[in-house]
Structure formats: structure tokens, C-alpha cells
Amino acid sequence: MFVVAEMAPLTLALLLIILLTGSDRCAVALAAGLGNGVNVQPSYYNSGKVALGLSQLKALAPKVKTVRIEVEPFIPISLAKQWISEAAKNGFSIIVTYHKKATVLGSNDASKQ
């Protein structure tokens, strides 16, 4: 399953709570087949040229069924495709978020709150 979205920070936070808690409160997500999940942010390390280690994750944490991959604008699309392909090959449901502007992530400027 592929879900591609650009989300507001609050929506994104709620989605992460649903995916990561694995509690009764995430019954809707579980019913949708997403199951428990993890968030990966490969964009921020070594210019995105990283091994996600999803085969190890699958072996060590079999309850994890969904991977959320954050893609930042400074990363080539070819790398994002590679990450998505790796997650798919390992049988995970995939949520991909793309932040096209830094302002999507928020600001410390109180006038912008």
C-alpha cells in the first residue's frame, strides 16, 4: 500500500501516534491494515545515502507492518524511489511524506504560530 501525502504538522503528529502506539486507540489504523509502524528519516544522514536496514527490522520486530518514510526536497527522487523499493521488497505498507517547504515543519518565530 502506498500513501503519499504532504501533511500539516498536527495531522502528521496524529498519524504518528496512531502508527506507533499499537494500542486500542489505533483500531482504525489497524483495521485499515497498517498495523504497528516506524518512522524513518534517511534524508538527514549522509545525504540520504544510507541502508535502511528494513530486513533486520522485519526479523527483529515482526509486529512492525508499516514504514513511514520522510522525504526532504534536497534529496534526489532516485534515492526516495530506492527507499520505497526497499520497504516494498520487505513487505511493509508504506507511507511517504514530502516536505516541499521548510515552513511546513514549523517555526520558532511566535508571530508565525
N, C-alpha and C. Protein backbone atom coordinates (compact mmCIF):
# COMPACT_ATOMS: atom_id res chain seq x y z
N MET A 1 0.85 -1.16 0.00
CA MET A 1 0.00 0.00 0.00
C MET A 1 0.90 1.23 0.00
N PHE A 2 0.60 2.19 -0.87
CA PHE A 2 1.36 3.43 -0.91
C PHE A 2 0.42 4.59 -0.60
N VAL A 3 0.79 5.41 0.37
CA VAL A 3 0.03 6.62 0.68
C VAL A 3 1.02 7.76 0.62
N VAL A 4 0.84 8.66 -0.32
CA VAL A 4 1.75 9.78 -0.47
C VAL A 4 1.00 11.03 -0.03
N ALA A 5 1.58 11.77 0.90
CA ALA A 5 0.86 12.93 1.41
C ALA A 5 1.82 14.02 1.86
N GLU A 6 1.35 15.23 1.75
CA GLU A 6 2.03 16.36 2.38
C GLU A 6 1.09 16.80 3.48
N MET A 7 1.50 16.63 4.72
CA MET A 7 0.57 16.82 5.83
C MET A 7 0.96 18.01 6.69
N ALA A 8 -0.05 18.61 7.29
CA ALA A 8 0.18 19.65 8.29
C ALA A 8 0.81 18.98 9.51
N PRO A 9 1.62 19.70 10.28
CA PRO A 9 2.29 19.08 11.44
C PRO A 9 1.35 18.38 12.40
N LEU A 10 0.17 18.96 12.68
CA LEU A 10 -0.75 18.32 13.61
C LEU A 10 -1.28 17.01 13.03
N THR A 11 -1.65 17.00 11.75
CA THR A 11 -2.12 15.78 11.10
C THR A 11 -1.04 14.73 11.14
N LEU A 12 0.18 15.13 10.85
CA LEU A 12 1.30 14.22 10.86
C LEU A 12 1.53 13.65 12.26
N ALA A 13 1.45 14.49 13.27
CA ALA A 13 1.64 14.03 14.64
C ALA A 13 0.57 13.01 15.03
N LEU A 14 -0.66 13.27 14.64
CA LEU A 14 -1.74 12.33 14.94
C LEU A 14 -1.52 11.01 14.24
N LEU A 15 -1.07 11.05 12.99
CA LEU A 15 -0.80 9.83 12.25
C LEU A 15 0.31 9.04 12.92
N LEU A 16 1.36 9.71 13.36
CA LEU A 16 2.46 9.02 14.03
C LEU A 16 1.99 8.37 15.33
N ILE A 17 1.16 9.06 16.08
CA ILE A 17 0.63 8.47 17.31
C ILE A 17 -0.15 7.20 16.99
N ILE A 18 -0.97 7.27 15.97
CA ILE A 18 -1.76 6.10 15.57
C ILE A 18 -0.85 4.95 15.18
N LEU A 19 0.16 5.25 14.37
CA LEU A 19 1.03 4.18 13.87
C LEU A 19 1.94 3.59 14.94
N LEU A 20 2.40 4.42 15.84
CA LEU A 20 3.43 3.97 16.76
C LEU A 20 2.91 3.43 18.09
N THR A 21 1.69 3.74 18.45
CA THR A 21 1.22 3.30 19.76
C THR A 21 0.88 1.83 19.81
N GLY A 22 0.25 1.31 18.78
CA GLY A 22 -0.15 -0.09 18.79
C GLY A 22 -1.22 -0.37 19.84
N SER A 23 -1.84 0.66 20.37
CA SER A 23 -2.85 0.49 21.42
C SER A 23 -4.24 0.36 20.82
N ASP A 24 -5.24 0.17 21.68
CA ASP A 24 -6.62 0.09 21.23
C ASP A 24 -7.06 1.37 20.53
N ARG A 25 -6.42 2.48 20.86
CA ARG A 25 -6.79 3.76 20.25
C ARG A 25 -6.48 3.81 18.76
N CYS A 26 -5.68 2.91 18.28
CA CYS A 26 -5.35 2.93 16.85
C CYS A 26 -6.10 1.84 16.10
N ALA A 27 -7.26 1.48 16.59
CA ALA A 27 -8.06 0.42 15.96
C ALA A 27 -8.38 0.74 14.51
N VAL A 28 -8.61 2.01 14.21
CA VAL A 28 -8.92 2.38 12.83
C VAL A 28 -7.74 2.08 11.92
N ALA A 29 -6.54 2.45 12.35
CA ALA A 29 -5.35 2.19 11.53
C ALA A 29 -5.11 0.69 11.40
N LEU A 30 -5.28 -0.03 12.48
CA LEU A 30 -5.07 -1.47 12.43
C LEU A 30 -6.09 -2.13 11.51
N ALA A 31 -7.34 -1.66 11.58
CA ALA A 31 -8.38 -2.22 10.72
C ALA A 31 -8.09 -1.93 9.26
N ALA A 32 -7.42 -0.82 8.99
CA ALA A 32 -7.07 -0.46 7.62
C ALA A 32 -5.88 -1.27 7.12
N GLY A 33 -5.29 -2.08 7.99
CA GLY A 33 -4.18 -2.92 7.58
C GLY A 33 -2.81 -2.30 7.78
N LEU A 34 -2.74 -1.14 8.40
CA LEU A 34 -1.44 -0.50 8.60
C LEU A 34 -0.65 -1.15 9.72
N GLY A 35 -1.33 -1.63 10.76
CA GLY A 35 -0.63 -2.27 11.87
C GLY A 35 0.31 -1.31 12.58
N ASN A 36 1.25 -1.87 13.33
CA ASN A 36 2.26 -1.07 14.03
C ASN A 36 3.26 -0.56 13.00
N GLY A 37 3.88 0.58 13.31
CA GLY A 37 4.80 1.14 12.33
C GLY A 37 5.97 1.88 12.93
N VAL A 38 6.88 2.25 12.06
CA VAL A 38 8.06 3.03 12.44
C VAL A 38 8.20 4.20 11.48
N ASN A 39 8.93 5.20 11.92
CA ASN A 39 9.21 6.39 11.14
C ASN A 39 10.70 6.39 10.80
N VAL A 40 11.04 6.55 9.52
CA VAL A 40 12.45 6.65 9.15
C VAL A 40 12.68 7.99 8.46
N GLN A 41 13.83 8.59 8.76
CA GLN A 41 14.18 9.90 8.21
C GLN A 41 15.56 9.82 7.57
N PRO A 42 15.71 9.05 6.51
CA PRO A 42 17.03 8.86 5.92
C PRO A 42 17.59 10.11 5.25
N SER A 43 16.76 11.09 4.96
CA SER A 43 17.22 12.32 4.30
C SER A 43 18.31 13.03 5.08
N TYR A 44 18.29 12.89 6.40
CA TYR A 44 19.17 13.68 7.26
C TYR A 44 20.54 13.07 7.50
N TYR A 45 20.81 11.90 6.99
CA TYR A 45 22.07 11.23 7.26
C TYR A 45 22.81 10.93 5.97
N ASN A 46 24.08 11.32 5.90
CA ASN A 46 24.94 11.01 4.77
C ASN A 46 24.28 11.36 3.44
N SER A 47 23.61 12.50 3.38
CA SER A 47 22.91 12.96 2.17
C SER A 47 21.91 11.93 1.66
N GLY A 48 21.36 11.14 2.55
CA GLY A 48 20.35 10.16 2.17
C GLY A 48 20.90 8.84 1.66
N LYS A 49 22.21 8.74 1.58
CA LYS A 49 22.83 7.51 1.06
C LYS A 49 23.07 6.55 2.23
N VAL A 50 21.97 5.93 2.67
CA VAL A 50 22.02 5.05 3.83
C VAL A 50 21.29 3.75 3.54
N ALA A 51 21.69 2.72 4.26
CA ALA A 51 20.95 1.46 4.22
C ALA A 51 19.88 1.57 5.30
N LEU A 52 18.63 1.34 4.95
CA LEU A 52 17.55 1.47 5.92
C LEU A 52 17.51 0.31 6.91
N GLY A 53 18.08 -0.82 6.56
CA GLY A 53 18.09 -1.96 7.48
C GLY A 53 16.72 -2.57 7.70
N LEU A 54 15.86 -2.51 6.69
CA LEU A 54 14.49 -2.98 6.87
C LEU A 54 14.39 -4.50 6.96
N SER A 55 15.33 -5.22 6.37
CA SER A 55 15.30 -6.68 6.51
C SER A 55 15.61 -7.07 7.96
N GLN A 56 16.53 -6.34 8.59
CA GLN A 56 16.83 -6.58 10.00
C GLN A 56 15.64 -6.18 10.88
N LEU A 57 15.00 -5.07 10.55
CA LEU A 57 13.83 -4.63 11.30
C LEU A 57 12.74 -5.69 11.23
N LYS A 58 12.51 -6.22 10.05
CA LYS A 58 11.48 -7.24 9.86
C LYS A 58 11.76 -8.47 10.72
N ALA A 59 13.03 -8.86 10.81
CA ALA A 59 13.40 -10.03 11.59
C ALA A 59 13.32 -9.77 13.10
N LEU A 60 13.73 -8.58 13.53
CA LEU A 60 13.81 -8.27 14.96
C LEU A 60 12.50 -7.73 15.55
N ALA A 61 11.66 -7.15 14.72
CA ALA A 61 10.40 -6.56 15.20
C ALA A 61 9.26 -6.97 14.27
N PRO A 62 8.86 -8.24 14.32
CA PRO A 62 7.87 -8.74 13.37
C PRO A 62 6.49 -8.08 13.48
N LYS A 63 6.20 -7.38 14.57
CA LYS A 63 4.90 -6.70 14.68
C LYS A 63 4.84 -5.43 13.84
N VAL A 64 5.99 -4.93 13.42
CA VAL A 64 6.02 -3.72 12.59
C VAL A 64 5.56 -4.09 11.18
N LYS A 65 4.52 -3.43 10.73
CA LYS A 65 3.94 -3.71 9.41
C LYS A 65 4.01 -2.53 8.46
N THR A 66 4.26 -1.33 9.00
CA THR A 66 4.22 -0.11 8.20
C THR A 66 5.48 0.71 8.43
N VAL A 67 5.99 1.29 7.34
CA VAL A 67 7.15 2.18 7.41
C VAL A 67 6.72 3.53 6.85
N ARG A 68 6.96 4.58 7.62
CA ARG A 68 6.72 5.94 7.13
C ARG A 68 8.08 6.53 6.79
N ILE A 69 8.23 6.95 5.55
CA ILE A 69 9.49 7.49 5.06
C ILE A 69 9.32 8.98 4.81
N GLU A 70 10.15 9.79 5.46
CA GLU A 70 10.14 11.23 5.23
C GLU A 70 11.12 11.57 4.12
N VAL A 71 10.65 12.28 3.12
CA VAL A 71 11.50 12.70 2.00
C VAL A 71 11.58 14.22 2.02
N GLU A 72 12.78 14.73 2.02
CA GLU A 72 13.00 16.18 2.03
C GLU A 72 13.39 16.65 0.62
N PRO A 73 13.13 17.94 0.30
CA PRO A 73 13.37 18.45 -1.05
C PRO A 73 14.82 18.37 -1.52
N PHE A 74 15.76 18.34 -0.62
CA PHE A 74 17.16 18.33 -1.01
C PHE A 74 17.66 16.94 -1.39
N ILE A 75 16.80 15.94 -1.35
CA ILE A 75 17.18 14.56 -1.68
C ILE A 75 16.72 14.24 -3.10
N PRO A 76 17.59 13.64 -3.92
CA PRO A 76 17.17 13.24 -5.27
C PRO A 76 16.03 12.22 -5.23
N ILE A 77 15.11 12.35 -6.16
CA ILE A 77 13.97 11.43 -6.23
C ILE A 77 14.44 9.99 -6.39
N SER A 78 15.57 9.78 -7.05
CA SER A 78 16.09 8.42 -7.23
C SER A 78 16.35 7.74 -5.88
N LEU A 79 16.83 8.50 -4.90
CA LEU A 79 17.04 7.93 -3.56
C LEU A 79 15.71 7.60 -2.89
N ALA A 80 14.74 8.48 -3.03
CA ALA A 80 13.42 8.22 -2.44
C ALA A 80 12.82 6.95 -3.05
N LYS A 81 12.96 6.79 -4.36
CA LYS A 81 12.47 5.57 -5.02
C LYS A 81 13.17 4.34 -4.47
N GLN A 82 14.46 4.46 -4.22
CA GLN A 82 15.23 3.33 -3.66
C GLN A 82 14.71 2.95 -2.28
N TRP A 83 14.44 3.93 -1.43
CA TRP A 83 13.92 3.65 -0.09
C TRP A 83 12.55 2.98 -0.16
N ILE A 84 11.69 3.51 -1.04
CA ILE A 84 10.35 2.94 -1.20
C ILE A 84 10.44 1.51 -1.71
N SER A 85 11.32 1.28 -2.66
CA SER A 85 11.52 -0.07 -3.21
C SER A 85 12.00 -1.04 -2.14
N GLU A 86 12.94 -0.59 -1.30
CA GLU A 86 13.45 -1.45 -0.23
C GLU A 86 12.34 -1.82 0.75
N ALA A 87 11.50 -0.86 1.09
CA ALA A 87 10.39 -1.14 2.01
C ALA A 87 9.40 -2.11 1.37
N ALA A 88 9.10 -1.91 0.10
CA ALA A 88 8.16 -2.80 -0.60
C ALA A 88 8.71 -4.21 -0.71
N LYS A 89 9.99 -4.34 -1.02
CA LYS A 89 10.62 -5.66 -1.15
C LYS A 89 10.57 -6.43 0.17
N ASN A 90 10.55 -5.70 1.28
CA ASN A 90 10.49 -6.34 2.59
C ASN A 90 9.06 -6.52 3.09
N GLY A 91 8.08 -6.21 2.25
CA GLY A 91 6.68 -6.48 2.57
C GLY A 91 5.98 -5.49 3.47
N PHE A 92 6.55 -4.30 3.65
CA PHE A 92 5.92 -3.30 4.51
C PHE A 92 4.87 -2.49 3.75
N SER A 93 3.83 -2.05 4.46
CA SER A 93 2.97 -0.99 3.95
C SER A 93 3.80 0.28 4.06
N ILE A 94 3.57 1.22 3.16
CA ILE A 94 4.45 2.38 3.08
C ILE A 94 3.65 3.67 3.08
N ILE A 95 4.07 4.60 3.92
CA ILE A 95 3.54 5.96 3.92
C ILE A 95 4.74 6.85 3.61
N VAL A 96 4.60 7.71 2.61
CA VAL A 96 5.68 8.62 2.24
C VAL A 96 5.18 10.04 2.42
N THR A 97 5.95 10.85 3.15
CA THR A 97 5.61 12.26 3.29
C THR A 97 6.72 13.08 2.66
N TYR A 98 6.34 14.19 2.06
CA TYR A 98 7.29 15.08 1.39
C TYR A 98 7.05 16.49 1.92
N HIS A 99 8.11 17.12 2.38
CA HIS A 99 8.01 18.49 2.89
C HIS A 99 8.59 19.42 1.85
N LYS A 100 7.74 20.07 1.06
CA LYS A 100 8.27 20.89 -0.02
C LYS A 100 8.81 22.24 0.45
N LYS A 101 8.44 22.66 1.65
CA LYS A 101 8.94 23.93 2.19
C LYS A 101 9.32 23.73 3.65
N ALA A 102 10.34 24.44 4.08
CA ALA A 102 10.75 24.35 5.48
C ALA A 102 9.64 24.84 6.40
N THR A 103 8.79 25.77 5.93
CA THR A 103 7.73 26.31 6.78
C THR A 103 6.70 25.25 7.14
N VAL A 104 6.62 24.18 6.36
CA VAL A 104 5.68 23.10 6.68
C VAL A 104 6.04 22.47 8.02
N LEU A 105 7.32 22.51 8.35
CA LEU A 105 7.79 21.87 9.57
C LEU A 105 7.65 22.74 10.81
N GLY A 106 7.23 23.98 10.62
CA GLY A 106 7.04 24.86 11.77
C GLY A 106 8.15 25.88 11.90
N SER A 107 8.05 26.69 12.91
CA SER A 107 9.00 27.77 13.11
C SER A 107 9.07 28.11 14.59
N ASN A 108 10.20 28.65 15.02
CA ASN A 108 10.35 29.14 16.38
C ASN A 108 9.86 30.58 16.50
N ASP A 109 9.48 31.19 15.39
CA ASP A 109 9.00 32.56 15.36
C ASP A 109 7.55 32.59 15.86
N ALA A 110 7.32 33.22 17.03
CA ALA A 110 5.99 33.25 17.64
C ALA A 110 4.96 33.94 16.74
N SER A 111 5.39 34.87 15.89
CA SER A 111 4.44 35.56 15.02
C SER A 111 3.90 34.64 13.92
N LYS A 112 4.55 33.51 13.70
CA LYS A 112 4.11 32.57 12.66
C LYS A 112 3.29 31.42 13.24
N GLN A 113 3.05 31.43 14.53
CA GLN A 113 2.31 30.34 15.17
C GLN A 113 0.83 30.46 14.94
